[in-house]
Amino acid sequence: MPLKFVLRPNEKVIINGAVIGAGDRPGSFFLYNTANFLRGREVLKEEQIDCIEKKLYFVIQLVYIFPEDSTLNLQRFASILDETREARPDAAKTLDEITRLVEGRNYYRALKLCRKLFRAANGAAVEDGANQIGGGADDDDTPTTDRMP
């Protein structure tokens, strides 16, 4: 069963490192094989990093989007994870689960869980937008696994 997702007008998605953009109308897309993807609203830009939780998210994002550099970025992940554990002892269980997901190469789910740390750190949900990480209703359409035809 393919994975269907909808891009809003002018929204972008990264699929296996390629940036694909929608036109001025919404568009439905289907992924029929295994692919790494992030919608534009899920992508964190480096200049948006303003807390340790976003730093952790960013490095997981790099591992996910650029698997060719995963060795270096996984080393960075381990270092940033240690910093995050020190800064957020209240999030130990969530960080353990993120670690388990990263070790299992389930980066998309690790990113989704990491986004929840932003909300906990800020005390409020992050608004959904083209240049921000999602926090809206669309977060629930996360694929449970990569789907094949």
N, C-alpha and C. Protein backbone atom coordinates (compact mmCIF):
# COMPACT_ATOMS: atom_id res chain seq x y z
N MET A 1 0.85 -1.17 0.00
CA MET A 1 0.00 0.00 0.00
C MET A 1 0.89 1.24 0.00
N PRO A 2 0.73 2.12 -0.98
CA PRO A 2 1.59 3.31 -1.05
C PRO A 2 1.24 4.31 0.05
N LEU A 3 2.21 5.16 0.34
CA LEU A 3 2.01 6.24 1.29
C LEU A 3 1.56 7.47 0.51
N LYS A 4 0.41 8.02 0.89
CA LYS A 4 -0.11 9.22 0.23
C LYS A 4 0.15 10.42 1.14
N PHE A 5 0.58 11.51 0.56
CA PHE A 5 0.68 12.76 1.29
C PHE A 5 0.29 13.90 0.36
N VAL A 6 -0.17 14.97 0.97
CA VAL A 6 -0.64 16.13 0.22
C VAL A 6 0.26 17.31 0.54
N LEU A 7 0.69 17.99 -0.51
CA LEU A 7 1.45 19.22 -0.33
C LEU A 7 0.51 20.40 -0.53
N ARG A 8 0.62 21.35 0.35
CA ARG A 8 -0.15 22.58 0.24
C ARG A 8 0.43 23.42 -0.90
N PRO A 9 -0.32 24.43 -1.35
CA PRO A 9 0.23 25.28 -2.41
C PRO A 9 1.59 25.87 -2.00
N ASN A 10 2.53 25.80 -2.91
CA ASN A 10 3.90 26.32 -2.76
C ASN A 10 4.71 25.62 -1.66
N GLU A 11 4.22 24.51 -1.13
CA GLU A 11 4.97 23.78 -0.11
C GLU A 11 6.03 22.91 -0.79
N LYS A 12 7.09 22.63 -0.04
CA LYS A 12 8.17 21.80 -0.54
C LYS A 12 8.28 20.53 0.28
N VAL A 13 8.89 19.52 -0.31
CA VAL A 13 9.17 18.27 0.37
C VAL A 13 10.56 17.81 -0.08
N ILE A 14 11.29 17.20 0.83
CA ILE A 14 12.58 16.61 0.48
C ILE A 14 12.37 15.10 0.42
N ILE A 15 12.66 14.52 -0.73
CA ILE A 15 12.54 13.07 -0.90
C ILE A 15 13.89 12.55 -1.35
N ASN A 16 14.50 11.72 -0.51
CA ASN A 16 15.83 11.17 -0.79
C ASN A 16 16.83 12.25 -1.21
N GLY A 17 16.77 13.38 -0.52
CA GLY A 17 17.72 14.46 -0.76
C GLY A 17 17.32 15.45 -1.84
N ALA A 18 16.30 15.12 -2.65
CA ALA A 18 15.84 16.03 -3.70
C ALA A 18 14.71 16.89 -3.17
N VAL A 19 14.77 18.20 -3.44
CA VAL A 19 13.71 19.11 -3.03
C VAL A 19 12.68 19.18 -4.17
N ILE A 20 11.43 18.90 -3.80
CA ILE A 20 10.33 18.93 -4.76
C ILE A 20 9.31 19.94 -4.25
N GLY A 21 8.81 20.79 -5.13
CA GLY A 21 7.86 21.82 -4.71
C GLY A 21 6.53 21.67 -5.41
N ALA A 22 5.48 22.03 -4.70
CA ALA A 22 4.14 22.07 -5.29
C ALA A 22 3.95 23.41 -5.98
N GLY A 23 3.02 23.45 -6.90
CA GLY A 23 2.70 24.70 -7.59
C GLY A 23 1.75 25.54 -6.76
N ASP A 24 0.89 26.26 -7.43
CA ASP A 24 -0.02 27.16 -6.73
C ASP A 24 -1.31 26.47 -6.26
N ARG A 25 -1.38 25.16 -6.45
CA ARG A 25 -2.54 24.38 -5.97
C ARG A 25 -2.03 23.21 -5.14
N PRO A 26 -2.87 22.71 -4.23
CA PRO A 26 -2.46 21.52 -3.47
C PRO A 26 -2.29 20.34 -4.41
N GLY A 27 -1.43 19.42 -4.03
CA GLY A 27 -1.21 18.24 -4.86
C GLY A 27 -1.04 17.00 -4.00
N SER A 28 -1.61 15.90 -4.46
CA SER A 28 -1.44 14.61 -3.79
C SER A 28 -0.30 13.85 -4.45
N PHE A 29 0.49 13.20 -3.60
CA PHE A 29 1.61 12.40 -4.08
C PHE A 29 1.56 11.05 -3.42
N PHE A 30 2.10 10.04 -4.10
CA PHE A 30 2.16 8.69 -3.56
C PHE A 30 3.59 8.20 -3.61
N LEU A 31 4.06 7.64 -2.52
CA LEU A 31 5.37 6.99 -2.51
C LEU A 31 5.13 5.49 -2.55
N TYR A 32 5.63 4.84 -3.59
CA TYR A 32 5.39 3.42 -3.79
C TYR A 32 6.54 2.55 -3.30
N ASN A 33 7.61 3.17 -2.90
CA ASN A 33 8.74 2.40 -2.39
C ASN A 33 9.34 3.11 -1.18
N THR A 34 10.34 2.52 -0.59
CA THR A 34 10.99 3.10 0.58
C THR A 34 11.70 4.40 0.18
N ALA A 35 11.45 5.45 0.96
CA ALA A 35 12.07 6.74 0.68
C ALA A 35 12.17 7.53 1.97
N ASN A 36 13.21 8.34 2.08
CA ASN A 36 13.34 9.28 3.19
C ASN A 36 12.73 10.59 2.74
N PHE A 37 11.77 11.11 3.53
CA PHE A 37 11.15 12.36 3.13
C PHE A 37 10.80 13.21 4.35
N LEU A 38 10.82 14.51 4.13
CA LEU A 38 10.38 15.49 5.12
C LEU A 38 9.65 16.59 4.36
N ARG A 39 8.47 16.95 4.83
CA ARG A 39 7.76 18.08 4.25
C ARG A 39 8.44 19.36 4.72
N GLY A 40 8.27 20.42 3.96
CA GLY A 40 8.91 21.69 4.26
C GLY A 40 8.65 22.18 5.67
N ARG A 41 7.44 21.98 6.16
CA ARG A 41 7.11 22.44 7.51
C ARG A 41 7.77 21.60 8.60
N GLU A 42 8.35 20.47 8.23
CA GLU A 42 9.06 19.63 9.20
C GLU A 42 10.57 19.88 9.19
N VAL A 43 11.04 20.62 8.20
CA VAL A 43 12.47 20.88 8.05
C VAL A 43 12.87 22.04 8.96
N LEU A 44 13.91 21.81 9.74
CA LEU A 44 14.46 22.85 10.60
C LEU A 44 15.71 23.40 9.93
N LYS A 45 15.74 24.71 9.76
CA LYS A 45 16.92 25.35 9.19
C LYS A 45 17.90 25.65 10.32
N GLU A 46 19.16 25.65 9.99
CA GLU A 46 20.20 25.85 11.01
C GLU A 46 20.01 27.16 11.78
N GLU A 47 19.58 28.21 11.09
CA GLU A 47 19.41 29.50 11.77
C GLU A 47 18.22 29.52 12.73
N GLN A 48 17.38 28.49 12.68
CA GLN A 48 16.24 28.39 13.60
C GLN A 48 16.59 27.70 14.92
N ILE A 49 17.79 27.20 15.04
CA ILE A 49 18.19 26.50 16.25
C ILE A 49 18.39 27.52 17.37
N ASP A 50 17.52 27.44 18.37
CA ASP A 50 17.61 28.36 19.49
C ASP A 50 17.53 27.64 20.84
N CYS A 51 17.61 26.31 20.81
CA CYS A 51 17.60 25.54 22.05
C CYS A 51 18.25 24.18 21.79
N ILE A 52 18.61 23.50 22.83
CA ILE A 52 19.30 22.21 22.69
C ILE A 52 18.40 21.17 22.03
N GLU A 53 17.09 21.24 22.26
CA GLU A 53 16.17 20.28 21.66
C GLU A 53 16.16 20.42 20.14
N LYS A 54 16.23 21.65 19.65
CA LYS A 54 16.26 21.88 18.20
C LYS A 54 17.62 21.47 17.62
N LYS A 55 18.66 21.61 18.41
CA LYS A 55 19.97 21.15 17.97
C LYS A 55 19.97 19.64 17.77
N LEU A 56 19.32 18.93 18.70
CA LEU A 56 19.19 17.48 18.59
C LEU A 56 18.35 17.12 17.37
N TYR A 57 17.24 17.79 17.18
CA TYR A 57 16.37 17.56 16.01
C TYR A 57 17.17 17.75 14.72
N PHE A 58 17.91 18.84 14.66
CA PHE A 58 18.66 19.17 13.45
C PHE A 58 19.65 18.07 13.07
N VAL A 59 20.35 17.54 14.05
CA VAL A 59 21.35 16.51 13.72
C VAL A 59 20.66 15.20 13.31
N ILE A 60 19.51 14.88 13.90
CA ILE A 60 18.77 13.69 13.46
C ILE A 60 18.28 13.91 12.03
N GLN A 61 17.83 15.12 11.75
CA GLN A 61 17.39 15.49 10.40
C GLN A 61 18.52 15.28 9.39
N LEU A 62 19.73 15.68 9.75
CA LEU A 62 20.88 15.50 8.85
C LEU A 62 21.16 14.02 8.59
N VAL A 63 21.07 13.22 9.63
CA VAL A 63 21.29 11.77 9.47
C VAL A 63 20.25 11.20 8.51
N TYR A 64 19.01 11.63 8.68
CA TYR A 64 17.89 11.13 7.89
C TYR A 64 17.96 11.56 6.42
N ILE A 65 18.22 12.84 6.19
CA ILE A 65 18.19 13.37 4.83
C ILE A 65 19.48 13.05 4.06
N PHE A 66 20.60 13.01 4.76
CA PHE A 66 21.89 12.79 4.09
C PHE A 66 22.57 11.53 4.63
N PRO A 67 22.06 10.35 4.28
CA PRO A 67 22.62 9.11 4.81
C PRO A 67 24.09 8.90 4.46
N GLU A 68 24.56 9.55 3.39
CA GLU A 68 25.97 9.41 3.01
C GLU A 68 26.90 10.01 4.06
N ASP A 69 26.40 10.92 4.88
CA ASP A 69 27.20 11.53 5.95
C ASP A 69 26.80 11.03 7.33
N SER A 70 26.13 9.90 7.39
CA SER A 70 25.56 9.44 8.66
C SER A 70 26.60 9.13 9.72
N THR A 71 27.76 8.63 9.35
CA THR A 71 28.77 8.29 10.35
C THR A 71 29.16 9.53 11.16
N LEU A 72 29.49 10.61 10.49
CA LEU A 72 29.85 11.86 11.17
C LEU A 72 28.66 12.42 11.96
N ASN A 73 27.48 12.41 11.35
CA ASN A 73 26.31 12.99 12.02
C ASN A 73 25.83 12.14 13.19
N LEU A 74 26.04 10.85 13.16
CA LEU A 74 25.69 10.01 14.31
C LEU A 74 26.64 10.27 15.48
N GLN A 75 27.89 10.60 15.17
CA GLN A 75 28.83 11.00 16.23
C GLN A 75 28.36 12.31 16.85
N ARG A 76 27.94 13.24 16.00
CA ARG A 76 27.40 14.52 16.50
C ARG A 76 26.15 14.27 17.33
N PHE A 77 25.30 13.36 16.87
CA PHE A 77 24.08 13.02 17.61
C PHE A 77 24.42 12.57 19.03
N ALA A 78 25.40 11.68 19.16
CA ALA A 78 25.78 11.17 20.49
C ALA A 78 26.22 12.31 21.40
N SER A 79 27.01 13.23 20.88
CA SER A 79 27.49 14.36 21.66
C SER A 79 26.35 15.29 22.07
N ILE A 80 25.49 15.61 21.12
CA ILE A 80 24.36 16.51 21.40
C ILE A 80 23.35 15.83 22.32
N LEU A 81 23.20 14.53 22.18
CA LEU A 81 22.32 13.79 23.08
C LEU A 81 22.79 13.92 24.53
N ASP A 82 24.10 13.80 24.74
CA ASP A 82 24.65 13.96 26.10
C ASP A 82 24.35 15.36 26.64
N GLU A 83 24.53 16.38 25.80
CA GLU A 83 24.22 17.76 26.21
C GLU A 83 22.74 17.90 26.56
N THR A 84 21.90 17.28 25.76
CA THR A 84 20.45 17.37 25.97
C THR A 84 20.06 16.68 27.27
N ARG A 85 20.67 15.53 27.54
CA ARG A 85 20.38 14.81 28.79
C ARG A 85 20.75 15.67 30.01
N GLU A 86 21.86 16.39 29.91
CA GLU A 86 22.26 17.27 31.02
C GLU A 86 21.29 18.44 31.18
N ALA A 87 20.87 19.01 30.05
CA ALA A 87 19.99 20.18 30.10
C ALA A 87 18.54 19.82 30.42
N ARG A 88 18.13 18.60 30.07
CA ARG A 88 16.73 18.20 30.24
C ARG A 88 16.61 16.85 30.96
N PRO A 89 17.02 16.78 32.23
CA PRO A 89 16.89 15.51 32.96
C PRO A 89 15.43 15.06 33.07
N ASP A 90 14.50 16.00 32.98
CA ASP A 90 13.07 15.68 33.03
C ASP A 90 12.60 14.90 31.81
N ALA A 91 13.39 14.90 30.73
CA ALA A 91 13.01 14.24 29.48
C ALA A 91 13.76 12.94 29.25
N ALA A 92 14.27 12.33 30.31
CA ALA A 92 15.11 11.13 30.17
C ALA A 92 14.41 10.01 29.40
N LYS A 93 13.14 9.75 29.71
CA LYS A 93 12.43 8.66 29.02
C LYS A 93 12.26 8.95 27.54
N THR A 94 11.92 10.19 27.22
CA THR A 94 11.76 10.57 25.82
C THR A 94 13.09 10.47 25.08
N LEU A 95 14.16 10.90 25.72
CA LEU A 95 15.49 10.83 25.09
C LEU A 95 15.93 9.38 24.92
N ASP A 96 15.58 8.51 25.86
CA ASP A 96 15.87 7.08 25.71
C ASP A 96 15.15 6.52 24.49
N GLU A 97 13.89 6.93 24.31
CA GLU A 97 13.11 6.45 23.17
C GLU A 97 13.66 7.01 21.86
N ILE A 98 14.07 8.26 21.85
CA ILE A 98 14.69 8.84 20.66
C ILE A 98 15.96 8.08 20.32
N THR A 99 16.75 7.76 21.32
CA THR A 99 17.98 6.99 21.10
C THR A 99 17.66 5.63 20.49
N ARG A 100 16.65 4.96 21.04
CA ARG A 100 16.26 3.65 20.53
C ARG A 100 15.81 3.76 19.07
N LEU A 101 15.05 4.79 18.75
CA LEU A 101 14.58 4.97 17.38
C LEU A 101 15.73 5.27 16.42
N VAL A 102 16.67 6.11 16.85
CA VAL A 102 17.83 6.42 16.00
C VAL A 102 18.68 5.16 15.79
N GLU A 103 18.91 4.41 16.85
CA GLU A 103 19.68 3.17 16.71
C GLU A 103 18.99 2.19 15.78
N GLY A 104 17.65 2.21 15.76
CA GLY A 104 16.89 1.35 14.88
C GLY A 104 16.66 1.95 13.49
N ARG A 105 17.28 3.09 13.23
CA ARG A 105 17.19 3.79 11.95
C ARG A 105 15.78 4.25 11.61
N ASN A 106 14.98 4.48 12.63
CA ASN A 106 13.64 4.99 12.44
C ASN A 106 13.67 6.50 12.71
N TYR A 107 14.34 7.20 11.82
CA TYR A 107 14.63 8.62 12.02
C TYR A 107 13.38 9.49 11.98
N TYR A 108 12.44 9.17 11.12
CA TYR A 108 11.23 9.99 11.02
C TYR A 108 10.49 10.01 12.36
N ARG A 109 10.33 8.87 12.97
CA ARG A 109 9.65 8.80 14.27
C ARG A 109 10.47 9.50 15.35
N ALA A 110 11.80 9.38 15.27
CA ALA A 110 12.66 10.07 16.24
C ALA A 110 12.47 11.58 16.11
N LEU A 111 12.36 12.08 14.90
CA LEU A 111 12.13 13.50 14.68
C LEU A 111 10.78 13.93 15.25
N LYS A 112 9.78 13.13 15.01
CA LYS A 112 8.44 13.46 15.52
C LYS A 112 8.46 13.53 17.05
N LEU A 113 9.12 12.59 17.68
CA LEU A 113 9.20 12.58 19.14
C LEU A 113 10.02 13.76 19.65
N CYS A 114 11.07 14.09 18.94
CA CYS A 114 11.91 15.23 19.32
C CYS A 114 11.13 16.54 19.24
N ARG A 115 10.23 16.67 18.27
CA ARG A 115 9.39 17.87 18.17
C ARG A 115 8.56 18.08 19.44
N LYS A 116 8.16 16.99 20.06
CA LYS A 116 7.37 17.11 21.30
C LYS A 116 8.21 17.73 22.41
N LEU A 117 9.52 17.55 22.37
CA LEU A 117 10.39 18.18 23.36
C LEU A 117 10.38 19.69 23.22
N PHE A 118 10.21 20.21 22.00
CA PHE A 118 10.14 21.65 21.80
C PHE A 118 8.94 22.21 22.57
N ARG A 119 7.83 21.53 22.42
CA ARG A 119 6.59 21.99 23.07
C ARG A 119 6.74 21.97 24.57
N ALA A 120 7.35 20.90 25.08
CA ALA A 120 7.54 20.78 26.53
C ALA A 120 8.50 21.86 27.04
N ALA A 121 9.53 22.15 26.26
CA ALA A 121 10.51 23.16 26.68
C ALA A 121 9.91 24.56 26.63
N ASN A 122 9.06 24.81 25.64
CA ASN A 122 8.47 26.14 25.48
C ASN A 122 7.16 26.30 26.22
N GLY A 123 6.59 25.20 26.67
CA GLY A 123 5.32 25.27 27.38
C GLY A 123 4.13 25.49 26.48
N ALA A 124 4.35 25.49 25.16
CA ALA A 124 3.25 25.68 24.22
C ALA A 124 3.60 25.02 22.90
N ALA A 125 2.61 24.74 22.12
CA ALA A 125 2.82 24.11 20.82
C ALA A 125 3.50 25.08 19.86
N VAL A 126 4.31 24.54 18.98
CA VAL A 126 4.96 25.33 17.95
C VAL A 126 3.97 25.48 16.81
N GLU A 127 3.82 26.68 16.31
CA GLU A 127 2.87 26.91 15.23
C GLU A 127 3.36 26.24 13.96
N ASP A 128 2.38 25.77 13.17
CA ASP A 128 2.67 25.15 11.90
C ASP A 128 2.90 26.25 10.86
N GLY A 129 3.93 26.11 10.05
CA GLY A 129 4.18 27.11 9.02
C GLY A 129 5.22 26.63 8.06
N ALA A 130 5.37 27.30 6.95
CA ALA A 130 6.28 26.86 5.91
C ALA A 130 7.73 26.84 6.37
N ASN A 131 8.11 27.74 7.28
CA ASN A 131 9.48 27.79 7.74
C ASN A 131 9.64 27.33 9.18
N GLN A 132 8.63 26.66 9.71
CA GLN A 132 8.70 26.18 11.08
C GLN A 132 8.41 24.70 11.10
N ILE A 133 8.76 24.09 12.19
CA ILE A 133 8.49 22.68 12.35
C ILE A 133 7.04 22.51 12.72
N GLY A 134 6.39 21.54 12.12
CA GLY A 134 4.96 21.33 12.31
C GLY A 134 4.57 21.07 13.74
N GLY A 135 3.41 21.52 14.09
CA GLY A 135 2.81 21.26 15.37
C GLY A 135 1.31 21.17 15.21
N GLY A 136 0.87 21.10 13.97
CA GLY A 136 -0.56 21.11 13.71
C GLY A 136 -1.13 19.72 13.53
N ALA A 137 -2.35 19.68 13.01
CA ALA A 137 -3.07 18.43 12.85
C ALA A 137 -2.36 17.47 11.91
N ASP A 138 -1.56 17.96 11.00
CA ASP A 138 -0.89 17.10 10.04
C ASP A 138 0.17 16.21 10.66
N ASP A 139 0.56 16.46 11.91
CA ASP A 139 1.57 15.63 12.55
C ASP A 139 1.13 14.19 12.73
N ASP A 140 -0.16 13.93 12.68
CA ASP A 140 -0.65 12.59 12.92
C ASP A 140 -0.59 11.70 11.70
N ASP A 141 -0.16 12.22 10.54
CA ASP A 141 -0.12 11.37 9.36
C ASP A 141 1.27 10.78 9.14
N THR A 142 2.01 10.60 10.22
CA THR A 142 3.32 10.01 10.16
C THR A 142 3.23 8.56 9.72
N PRO A 143 4.04 8.13 8.75
CA PRO A 143 3.99 6.74 8.36
C PRO A 143 4.53 5.86 9.49
N THR A 144 3.88 4.72 9.69
CA THR A 144 4.35 3.82 10.74
C THR A 144 5.56 3.04 10.27
N THR A 145 5.61 2.76 9.00
CA THR A 145 6.76 2.10 8.41
C THR A 145 6.89 2.60 6.98
N ASP A 146 8.04 2.37 6.37
CA ASP A 146 8.15 2.65 4.95
C ASP A 146 7.32 1.60 4.24
N ARG A 147 6.53 2.05 3.30
CA ARG A 147 5.60 1.13 2.65
C ARG A 147 6.07 0.79 1.26
N MET A 148 5.87 -0.44 0.88
CA MET A 148 6.23 -0.93 -0.44
C MET A 148 4.94 -1.26 -1.20
N PRO A 149 4.95 -1.24 -2.55
CA PRO A 149 3.74 -1.58 -3.30
C PRO A 149 3.38 -3.03 -3.14
